[in-house]
């Protein structure tokens, strides 16, 4: 699944356009590798690191949702591994 679509489906961002803009900043990583394109693929088991709302979020992909469903359904698609504040390491 495309990374921009995944971030939108799991409700971390309100639109795919916002997800694309975040990815294009060049600070998002999948499994430690910098994401070059918004179309880079996410797979079950992937670890995504991204800056979001002044924090660095680290999530593990548990499943690939088929739609942008309700929040509980979206949260079941990923596991939060860590959140660093703005003063933490980026």
PDB file of N, CA and C in Angstrom:
ATOM      1  N   UNK A   1       0.845  -1.174   0.000  1.00  0.00           N
ATOM      2  CA  UNK A   1       0.000   0.000   0.000  1.00  0.00           C
ATOM      3  C   UNK A   1       0.894   1.242   0.000  1.00  0.00           C
ATOM      4  N   UNK A   2       0.486   2.254  -0.714  1.00  0.00           N
ATOM      5  CA  UNK A   2       1.229   3.521  -0.754  1.00  0.00           C
ATOM      6  C   UNK A   2       1.280   4.146   0.644  1.00  0.00           C
ATOM      7  N   UNK A   3       2.423   4.730   0.986  1.00  0.00           N
ATOM      8  CA  UNK A   3       2.598   5.342   2.302  1.00  0.00           C
ATOM      9  C   UNK A   3       1.614   6.473   2.542  1.00  0.00           C
ATOM     10  N   UNK A   4       1.397   7.351   1.567  1.00  0.00           N
ATOM     11  CA  UNK A   4       0.471   8.469   1.774  1.00  0.00           C
ATOM     12  C   UNK A   4      -0.946   7.969   2.048  1.00  0.00           C
ATOM     13  N   UNK A   5      -1.344   6.942   1.354  1.00  0.00           N
ATOM     14  CA  UNK A   5      -2.680   6.365   1.549  1.00  0.00           C
ATOM     15  C   UNK A   5      -2.796   5.710   2.938  1.00  0.00           C
ATOM     16  N   UNK A   6      -1.740   5.007   3.342  1.00  0.00           N
ATOM     17  CA  UNK A   6      -1.745   4.355   4.648  1.00  0.00           C
ATOM     18  C   UNK A   6      -1.892   5.388   5.774  1.00  0.00           C
ATOM     19  N   UNK A   7      -1.100   6.461   5.733  1.00  0.00           N
ATOM     20  CA  UNK A   7      -1.165   7.482   6.780  1.00  0.00           C
ATOM     21  C   UNK A   7      -2.548   8.135   6.848  1.00  0.00           C
ATOM     22  N   UNK A   8      -3.180   8.303   5.709  1.00  0.00           N
ATOM     23  CA  UNK A   8      -4.537   8.839   5.658  1.00  0.00           C
ATOM     24  C   UNK A   8      -5.544   7.829   6.220  1.00  0.00           C
ATOM     25  N   UNK A   9      -5.439   6.580   5.814  1.00  0.00           N
ATOM     26  CA  UNK A   9      -6.383   5.548   6.261  1.00  0.00           C
ATOM     27  C   UNK A   9      -6.315   5.309   7.770  1.00  0.00           C
ATOM     28  N   UNK A  10      -5.121   5.412   8.375  1.00  0.00           N
ATOM     29  CA  UNK A  10      -5.022   5.158   9.819  1.00  0.00           C
ATOM     30  C   UNK A  10      -5.259   6.432  10.637  1.00  0.00           C
ATOM     31  N   UNK A  11      -5.676   7.496   9.973  1.00  0.00           N
ATOM     32  CA  UNK A  11      -6.107   8.729  10.601  1.00  0.00           C
ATOM     33  C   UNK A  11      -5.008   9.516  11.309  1.00  0.00           C
ATOM     34  N   UNK A  12      -3.755   9.369  10.879  1.00  0.00           N
ATOM     35  CA  UNK A  12      -2.705  10.217  11.430  1.00  0.00           C
ATOM     36  C   UNK A  12      -2.750  11.603  10.794  1.00  0.00           C
ATOM     37  N   UNK A  13      -3.289  11.676   9.575  1.00  0.00           N
ATOM     38  CA  UNK A  13      -3.435  12.949   8.871  1.00  0.00           C
ATOM     39  C   UNK A  13      -4.843  13.033   8.293  1.00  0.00           C
ATOM     40  N   UNK A  14      -5.322  14.265   8.134  1.00  0.00           N
ATOM     41  CA  UNK A  14      -6.708  14.460   7.711  1.00  0.00           C
ATOM     42  C   UNK A  14      -6.945  14.263   6.223  1.00  0.00           C
ATOM     43  N   UNK A  15      -5.871  14.321   5.424  1.00  0.00           N
ATOM     44  CA  UNK A  15      -6.050  14.145   3.982  1.00  0.00           C
ATOM     45  C   UNK A  15      -4.801  13.514   3.375  1.00  0.00           C
ATOM     46  N   UNK A  16      -4.969  12.943   2.192  1.00  0.00           N
ATOM     47  CA  UNK A  16      -3.808  12.392   1.487  1.00  0.00           C
ATOM     48  C   UNK A  16      -2.879  13.513   1.056  1.00  0.00           C
ATOM     49  N   UNK A  17      -3.430  14.674   0.776  1.00  0.00           N
ATOM     50  CA  UNK A  17      -2.610  15.822   0.394  1.00  0.00           C
ATOM     51  C   UNK A  17      -1.669  16.197   1.539  1.00  0.00           C
ATOM     52  N   UNK A  18      -2.175  16.200   2.773  1.00  0.00           N
ATOM     53  CA  UNK A  18      -1.319  16.478   3.936  1.00  0.00           C
ATOM     54  C   UNK A  18      -0.259  15.395   4.090  1.00  0.00           C
ATOM     55  N   UNK A  19      -0.639  14.156   3.870  1.00  0.00           N
ATOM     56  CA  UNK A  19       0.316  13.045   3.969  1.00  0.00           C
ATOM     57  C   UNK A  19       1.412  13.201   2.913  1.00  0.00           C
ATOM     58  N   UNK A  20       1.034  13.562   1.701  1.00  0.00           N
ATOM     59  CA  UNK A  20       2.011  13.750   0.634  1.00  0.00           C
ATOM     60  C   UNK A  20       2.969  14.886   0.966  1.00  0.00           C
ATOM     61  N   UNK A  21       2.447  15.981   1.510  1.00  0.00           N
ATOM     62  CA  UNK A  21       3.292  17.123   1.868  1.00  0.00           C
ATOM     63  C   UNK A  21       4.291  16.735   2.959  1.00  0.00           C
ATOM     64  N   UNK A  22       3.836  15.983   3.942  1.00  0.00           N
ATOM     65  CA  UNK A  22       4.716  15.541   5.027  1.00  0.00           C
ATOM     66  C   UNK A  22       5.834  14.654   4.481  1.00  0.00           C
ATOM     67  N   UNK A  23       5.495  13.731   3.608  1.00  0.00           N
ATOM     68  CA  UNK A  23       6.476  12.812   3.032  1.00  0.00           C
ATOM     69  C   UNK A  23       7.485  13.571   2.170  1.00  0.00           C
ATOM     70  N   UNK A  24       7.011  14.557   1.422  1.00  0.00           N
ATOM     71  CA  UNK A  24       7.888  15.319   0.531  1.00  0.00           C
ATOM     72  C   UNK A  24       8.898  16.179   1.286  1.00  0.00           C
ATOM     73  N   UNK A  25       8.668  16.423   2.592  1.00  0.00           N
ATOM     74  CA  UNK A  25       9.646  17.154   3.408  1.00  0.00           C
ATOM     75  C   UNK A  25      10.957  16.365   3.529  1.00  0.00           C
ATOM     76  N   UNK A  26      10.874  15.036   3.344  1.00  0.00           N
ATOM     77  CA  UNK A  26      12.081  14.220   3.338  1.00  0.00           C
ATOM     78  C   UNK A  26      12.543  13.713   4.692  1.00  0.00           C
ATOM     79  N   UNK A  27      11.691  13.802   5.716  1.00  0.00           N
ATOM     80  CA  UNK A  27      12.105  13.349   7.044  1.00  0.00           C
ATOM     81  C   UNK A  27      11.373  12.089   7.499  1.00  0.00           C
ATOM     82  N   UNK A  28      10.613  11.471   6.606  1.00  0.00           N
ATOM     83  CA  UNK A  28       9.884  10.252   6.922  1.00  0.00           C
ATOM     84  C   UNK A  28      10.736   9.051   6.514  1.00  0.00           C
ATOM     85  N   UNK A  29      10.691   7.993   7.338  1.00  0.00           N
ATOM     86  CA  UNK A  29      11.485   6.790   7.060  1.00  0.00           C
ATOM     87  C   UNK A  29      10.622   5.540   7.185  1.00  0.00           C
ATOM     88  N   UNK A  30      10.918   4.564   6.339  1.00  0.00           N
ATOM     89  CA  UNK A  30      10.319   3.236   6.440  1.00  0.00           C
ATOM     90  C   UNK A  30      11.465   2.272   6.686  1.00  0.00           C
ATOM     91  N   UNK A  31      11.415   1.561   7.798  1.00  0.00           N
ATOM     92  CA  UNK A  31      12.461   0.599   8.174  1.00  0.00           C
ATOM     93  C   UNK A  31      13.850   1.234   8.125  1.00  0.00           C
ATOM     94  N   UNK A  32      13.947   2.485   8.564  1.00  0.00           N
ATOM     95  CA  UNK A  32      15.228   3.169   8.645  1.00  0.00           C
ATOM     96  C   UNK A  32      15.696   3.830   7.369  1.00  0.00           C
ATOM     97  N   UNK A  33      15.024   3.589   6.251  1.00  0.00           N
ATOM     98  CA  UNK A  33      15.414   4.181   4.970  1.00  0.00           C
ATOM     99  C   UNK A  33      14.556   5.408   4.688  1.00  0.00           C
ATOM    100  N   UNK A  34      15.199   6.488   4.276  1.00  0.00           N
ATOM    101  CA  UNK A  34      14.467   7.707   3.951  1.00  0.00           C
ATOM    102  C   UNK A  34      13.502   7.453   2.800  1.00  0.00           C
ATOM    103  N   UNK A  35      12.302   7.958   2.945  1.00  0.00           N
ATOM    104  CA  UNK A  35      11.278   7.800   1.912  1.00  0.00           C
ATOM    105  C   UNK A  35      11.541   8.822   0.819  1.00  0.00           C
ATOM    106  N   UNK A  36      11.664   8.343  -0.404  1.00  0.00           N
ATOM    107  CA  UNK A  36      11.948   9.200  -1.557  1.00  0.00           C
ATOM    108  C   UNK A  36      10.673   9.689  -2.242  1.00  0.00           C
ATOM    109  N   UNK A  37       9.633   8.833  -2.267  1.00  0.00           N
ATOM    110  CA  UNK A  37       8.404   9.150  -2.997  1.00  0.00           C
ATOM    111  C   UNK A  37       7.193   8.863  -2.122  1.00  0.00           C
ATOM    112  N   UNK A  38       6.112   9.606  -2.372  1.00  0.00           N
ATOM    113  CA  UNK A  38       4.877   9.372  -1.627  1.00  0.00           C
ATOM    114  C   UNK A  38       4.292   8.002  -1.944  1.00  0.00           C
ATOM    115  N   UNK A  39       4.712   7.427  -3.067  1.00  0.00           N
ATOM    116  CA  UNK A  39       4.182   6.127  -3.477  1.00  0.00           C
ATOM    117  C   UNK A  39       4.996   4.955  -2.931  1.00  0.00           C
ATOM    118  N   UNK A  40       6.020   5.219  -2.107  1.00  0.00           N
ATOM    119  CA  UNK A  40       6.788   4.107  -1.521  1.00  0.00           C
ATOM    120  C   UNK A  40       5.836   3.181  -0.776  1.00  0.00           C
ATOM    121  N   UNK A  41       6.119   1.895  -0.853  1.00  0.00           N
ATOM    122  CA  UNK A  41       5.202   0.878  -0.341  1.00  0.00           C
ATOM    123  C   UNK A  41       5.409   0.574   1.142  1.00  0.00           C
ATOM    124  N   UNK A  42       4.288   0.396   1.849  1.00  0.00           N
ATOM    125  CA  UNK A  42       4.263  -0.014   3.247  1.00  0.00           C
ATOM    126  C   UNK A  42       3.762  -1.452   3.272  1.00  0.00           C
ATOM    127  N   UNK A  43       4.392  -2.276   4.086  1.00  0.00           N
ATOM    128  CA  UNK A  43       3.980  -3.676   4.226  1.00  0.00           C
ATOM    129  C   UNK A  43       3.731  -3.985   5.695  1.00  0.00           C
ATOM    130  N   UNK A  44       2.996  -5.044   5.961  1.00  0.00           N
ATOM    131  CA  UNK A  44       2.790  -5.483   7.341  1.00  0.00           C
ATOM    132  C   UNK A  44       4.156  -5.778   7.947  1.00  0.00           C
ATOM    133  N   UNK A  45       4.409  -5.234   9.123  1.00  0.00           N
ATOM    134  CA  UNK A  45       5.692  -5.412   9.787  1.00  0.00           C
ATOM    135  C   UNK A  45       6.643  -4.247   9.600  1.00  0.00           C
ATOM    136  N   UNK A  46       6.348  -3.347   8.660  1.00  0.00           N
ATOM    137  CA  UNK A  46       7.199  -2.174   8.434  1.00  0.00           C
ATOM    138  C   UNK A  46       7.158  -1.253   9.648  1.00  0.00           C
ATOM    139  N   UNK A  47       8.264  -0.544   9.878  1.00  0.00           N
ATOM    140  CA  UNK A  47       8.327   0.471  10.926  1.00  0.00           C
ATOM    141  C   UNK A  47       8.426   1.824  10.237  1.00  0.00           C
ATOM    142  N   UNK A  48       7.523   2.729  10.606  1.00  0.00           N
ATOM    143  CA  UNK A  48       7.483   4.061  10.001  1.00  0.00           C
ATOM    144  C   UNK A  48       7.856   5.081  11.068  1.00  0.00           C
ATOM    145  N   UNK A  49       8.794   5.963  10.729  1.00  0.00           N
ATOM    146  CA  UNK A  49       9.193   7.055  11.613  1.00  0.00           C
ATOM    147  C   UNK A  49       8.867   8.354  10.901  1.00  0.00           C
ATOM    148  N   UNK A  50       8.128   9.260  11.579  1.00  0.00           N
ATOM    149  CA  UNK A  50       7.745  10.498  10.930  1.00  0.00           C
ATOM    150  C   UNK A  50       7.578  11.622  11.941  1.00  0.00           C
ATOM    151  N   UNK A  51       7.882  12.852  11.528  1.00  0.00           N
ATOM    152  CA  UNK A  51       7.634  13.997  12.400  1.00  0.00           C
ATOM    153  C   UNK A  51       6.161  14.393  12.278  1.00  0.00           C
ATOM    154  N   UNK A  52       5.509  14.579  13.430  1.00  0.00           N
ATOM    155  CA  UNK A  52       4.090  14.917  13.392  1.00  0.00           C
ATOM    156  C   UNK A  52       3.730  15.738  14.614  1.00  0.00           C
ATOM    157  N   UNK A  53       3.233  16.951  14.383  1.00  0.00           N
ATOM    158  CA  UNK A  53       2.786  17.852  15.451  1.00  0.00           C
ATOM    159  C   UNK A  53       3.865  18.068  16.521  1.00  0.00           C
ATOM    160  N   UNK A  54       5.076  18.355  16.084  1.00  0.00           N
ATOM    161  CA  UNK A  54       6.160  18.660  17.010  1.00  0.00           C
ATOM    162  C   UNK A  54       6.775  17.461  17.706  1.00  0.00           C
ATOM    163  N   UNK A  55       6.419  16.268  17.271  1.00  0.00           N
ATOM    164  CA  UNK A  55       6.958  15.040  17.858  1.00  0.00           C
ATOM    165  C   UNK A  55       7.433  14.118  16.750  1.00  0.00           C
ATOM    166  N   UNK A  56       8.302  13.186  17.123  1.00  0.00           N
ATOM    167  CA  UNK A  56       8.706  12.140  16.195  1.00  0.00           C
ATOM    168  C   UNK A  56       7.936  10.887  16.585  1.00  0.00           C
ATOM    169  N   UNK A  57       7.101  10.402  15.688  1.00  0.00           N
ATOM    170  CA  UNK A  57       6.278   9.213  15.957  1.00  0.00           C
ATOM    171  C   UNK A  57       6.909   8.009  15.299  1.00  0.00           C
ATOM    172  N   UNK A  58       6.902   6.894  16.009  1.00  0.00           N
ATOM    173  CA  UNK A  58       7.411   5.634  15.482  1.00  0.00           C
ATOM    174  C   UNK A  58       6.283   4.613  15.602  1.00  0.00           C
ATOM    175  N   UNK A  59       5.853   4.062  14.464  1.00  0.00           N
ATOM    176  CA  UNK A  59       4.754   3.102  14.475  1.00  0.00           C
ATOM    177  C   UNK A  59       5.140   1.854  13.689  1.00  0.00           C
ATOM    178  N   UNK A  60       4.559   0.723  14.081  1.00  0.00           N
ATOM    179  CA  UNK A  60       4.741  -0.537  13.352  1.00  0.00           C
ATOM    180  C   UNK A  60       3.418  -0.875  12.685  1.00  0.00           C
ATOM    181  N   UNK A  61       3.476  -1.254  11.429  1.00  0.00           N
ATOM    182  CA  UNK A  61       2.290  -1.601  10.647  1.00  0.00           C
ATOM    183  C   UNK A  61       1.839  -3.004  11.045  1.00  0.00           C
ATOM    184  N   UNK A  62       0.612  -3.121  11.550  1.00  0.00           N
ATOM    185  CA  UNK A  62       0.047  -4.414  11.939  1.00  0.00           C
ATOM    186  C   UNK A  62      -0.848  -4.993  10.853  1.00  0.00           C
ATOM    187  N   UNK A  63      -1.525  -4.111  10.110  1.00  0.00           N
ATOM    188  CA  UNK A  63      -2.375  -4.556   9.005  1.00  0.00           C
ATOM    189  C   UNK A  63      -2.555  -3.405   8.026  1.00  0.00           C
ATOM    190  N   UNK A  64      -2.993  -3.716   6.830  1.00  0.00           N
ATOM    191  CA  UNK A  64      -3.227  -2.711   5.802  1.00  0.00           C
ATOM    192  C   UNK A  64      -4.738  -2.513   5.658  1.00  0.00           C
ATOM    193  N   UNK A  65      -5.252  -1.394   6.133  1.00  0.00           N
ATOM    194  CA  UNK A  65      -6.708  -1.175   6.082  1.00  0.00           C
ATOM    195  C   UNK A  65      -7.194  -1.003   4.650  1.00  0.00           C
ATOM    196  N   UNK A  66      -8.426  -1.415   4.421  1.00  0.00           N
ATOM    197  CA  UNK A  66      -9.024  -1.304   3.093  1.00  0.00           C
ATOM    198  C   UNK A  66      -9.737   0.027   2.891  1.00  0.00           C
ATOM    199  N   UNK A  67      -9.962   0.748   3.992  1.00  0.00           N
ATOM    200  CA  UNK A  67     -10.691   2.018   3.907  1.00  0.00           C
ATOM    201  C   UNK A  67     -10.301   2.897   5.082  1.00  0.00           C
ATOM    202  N   UNK A  68     -10.726   4.142   5.035  1.00  0.00           N
ATOM    203  CA  UNK A  68     -10.550   5.059   6.160  1.00  0.00           C
ATOM    204  C   UNK A  68     -11.788   4.900   7.036  1.00  0.00           C
ATOM    205  N   UNK A  69     -11.693   4.006   7.981  1.00  0.00           N
ATOM    206  CA  UNK A  69     -12.824   3.689   8.839  1.00  0.00           C
ATOM    207  C   UNK A  69     -12.810   4.483  10.122  1.00  0.00           C
ATOM    208  N   UNK A  70     -13.621   4.068  11.088  1.00  0.00           N
ATOM    209  CA  UNK A  70     -13.675   4.752  12.376  1.00  0.00           C
ATOM    210  C   UNK A  70     -12.338   4.634  13.115  1.00  0.00           C
ATOM    211  N   UNK A  71     -12.128   5.536  14.075  1.00  0.00           N
ATOM    212  CA  UNK A  71     -10.855   5.604  14.800  1.00  0.00           C
ATOM    213  C   UNK A  71     -10.432   4.275  15.435  1.00  0.00           C
ATOM    214  N   UNK A  72     -11.322   3.533  16.110  1.00  0.00           N
ATOM    215  CA  UNK A  72     -10.879   2.259  16.693  1.00  0.00           C
ATOM    216  C   UNK A  72     -10.367   1.270  15.644  1.00  0.00           C
ATOM    217  N   UNK A  73     -11.001   1.255  14.485  1.00  0.00           N
ATOM    218  CA  UNK A  73     -10.569   0.388  13.388  1.00  0.00           C
ATOM    219  C   UNK A  73      -9.190   0.838  12.880  1.00  0.00           C
ATOM    220  N   UNK A  74      -8.988   2.140  12.788  1.00  0.00           N
ATOM    221  CA  UNK A  74      -7.703   2.681  12.319  1.00  0.00           C
ATOM    222  C   UNK A  74      -6.588   2.350  13.304  1.00  0.00           C
ATOM    223  N   UNK A  75      -6.838   2.511  14.612  1.00  0.00           N
ATOM    224  CA  UNK A  75      -5.817   2.231  15.634  1.00  0.00           C
ATOM    225  C   UNK A  75      -5.411   0.761  15.657  1.00  0.00           C
ATOM    226  N   UNK A  76      -6.292  -0.121  15.240  1.00  0.00           N
ATOM    227  CA  UNK A  76      -5.974  -1.551  15.212  1.00  0.00           C
ATOM    228  C   UNK A  76      -4.996  -1.892  14.086  1.00  0.00           C
ATOM    229  N   UNK A  77      -4.759  -0.947  13.181  1.00  0.00           N
ATOM    230  CA  UNK A  77      -3.881  -1.183  12.036  1.00  0.00           C
ATOM    231  C   UNK A  77      -2.412  -0.894  12.324  1.00  0.00           C
ATOM    232  N   UNK A  78      -2.128  -0.279  13.495  1.00  0.00           N
ATOM    233  CA  UNK A  78      -0.739   0.026  13.807  1.00  0.00           C
ATOM    234  C   UNK A  78      -0.497  -0.033  15.309  1.00  0.00           C
ATOM    235  N   UNK A  79       0.777  -0.134  15.669  1.00  0.00           N
ATOM    236  CA  UNK A  79       1.199  -0.150  17.059  1.00  0.00           C
ATOM    237  C   UNK A  79       2.162   1.017  17.256  1.00  0.00           C
ATOM    238  N   UNK A  80       1.900   1.815  18.267  1.00  0.00           N
ATOM    239  CA  UNK A  80       2.759   2.958  18.578  1.00  0.00           C
ATOM    240  C   UNK A  80       4.006   2.432  19.316  1.00  0.00           C
ATOM    241  N   UNK A  81       5.184   2.656  18.748  1.00  0.00           N
ATOM    242  CA  UNK A  81       6.415   2.175  19.361  1.00  0.00           C
ATOM    243  C   UNK A  81       7.099   3.255  20.180  1.00  0.00           C
ATOM    244  N   UNK A  82       6.853   4.501  19.854  1.00  0.00           N
ATOM    245  CA  UNK A  82       7.486   5.574  20.605  1.00  0.00           C
ATOM    246  C   UNK A  82       7.113   6.924  20.076  1.00  0.00           C
ATOM    247  N   UNK A  83       7.225   7.916  20.982  1.00  0.00           N
ATOM    248  CA  UNK A  83       6.982   9.297  20.639  1.00  0.00           C
ATOM    249  C   UNK A  83       8.059  10.108  21.338  1.00  0.00           C
ATOM    250  N   UNK A  84       8.841  10.857  20.567  1.00  0.00           N
ATOM    251  CA  UNK A  84       9.850  11.745  21.139  1.00  0.00           C
ATOM    252  C   UNK A  84       9.337  13.157  21.033  1.00  0.00           C
ATOM    253  N   UNK A  85       9.497  13.954  22.117  1.00  0.00           N
ATOM    254  CA  UNK A  85       9.097  15.351  22.095  1.00  0.00           C
ATOM    255  C   UNK A  85      10.023  16.169  21.224  1.00  0.00           C
ATOM    256  N   UNK A  86       9.671  17.436  21.043  1.00  0.00           N
ATOM    257  CA  UNK A  86      10.474  18.313  20.192  1.00  0.00           C
ATOM    258  C   UNK A  86      11.887  18.468  20.702  1.00  0.00           C
ATOM    259  N   UNK A  87      12.101  18.312  22.006  1.00  0.00           N
ATOM    260  CA  UNK A  87      13.452  18.445  22.560  1.00  0.00           C
ATOM    261  C   UNK A  87      14.235  17.147  22.457  1.00  0.00           C
ATOM    262  N   UNK A  88      13.581  16.059  22.060  1.00  0.00           N
ATOM    263  CA  UNK A  88      14.246  14.763  21.936  1.00  0.00           C
ATOM    264  C   UNK A  88      14.995  14.636  20.629  1.00  0.00           C
ATOM    265  N   UNK A  89      15.577  13.479  20.422  1.00  0.00           N
ATOM    266  CA  UNK A  89      16.318  13.221  19.183  1.00  0.00           C
ATOM    267  C   UNK A  89      15.362  13.117  18.003  1.00  0.00           C
ATOM    268  N   UNK A  90      15.783  13.601  16.866  1.00  0.00           N
ATOM    269  CA  UNK A  90      14.910  13.576  15.688  1.00  0.00           C
ATOM    270  C   UNK A  90      15.263  12.449  14.767  1.00  0.00           C
TER     271      UNK A  90
END
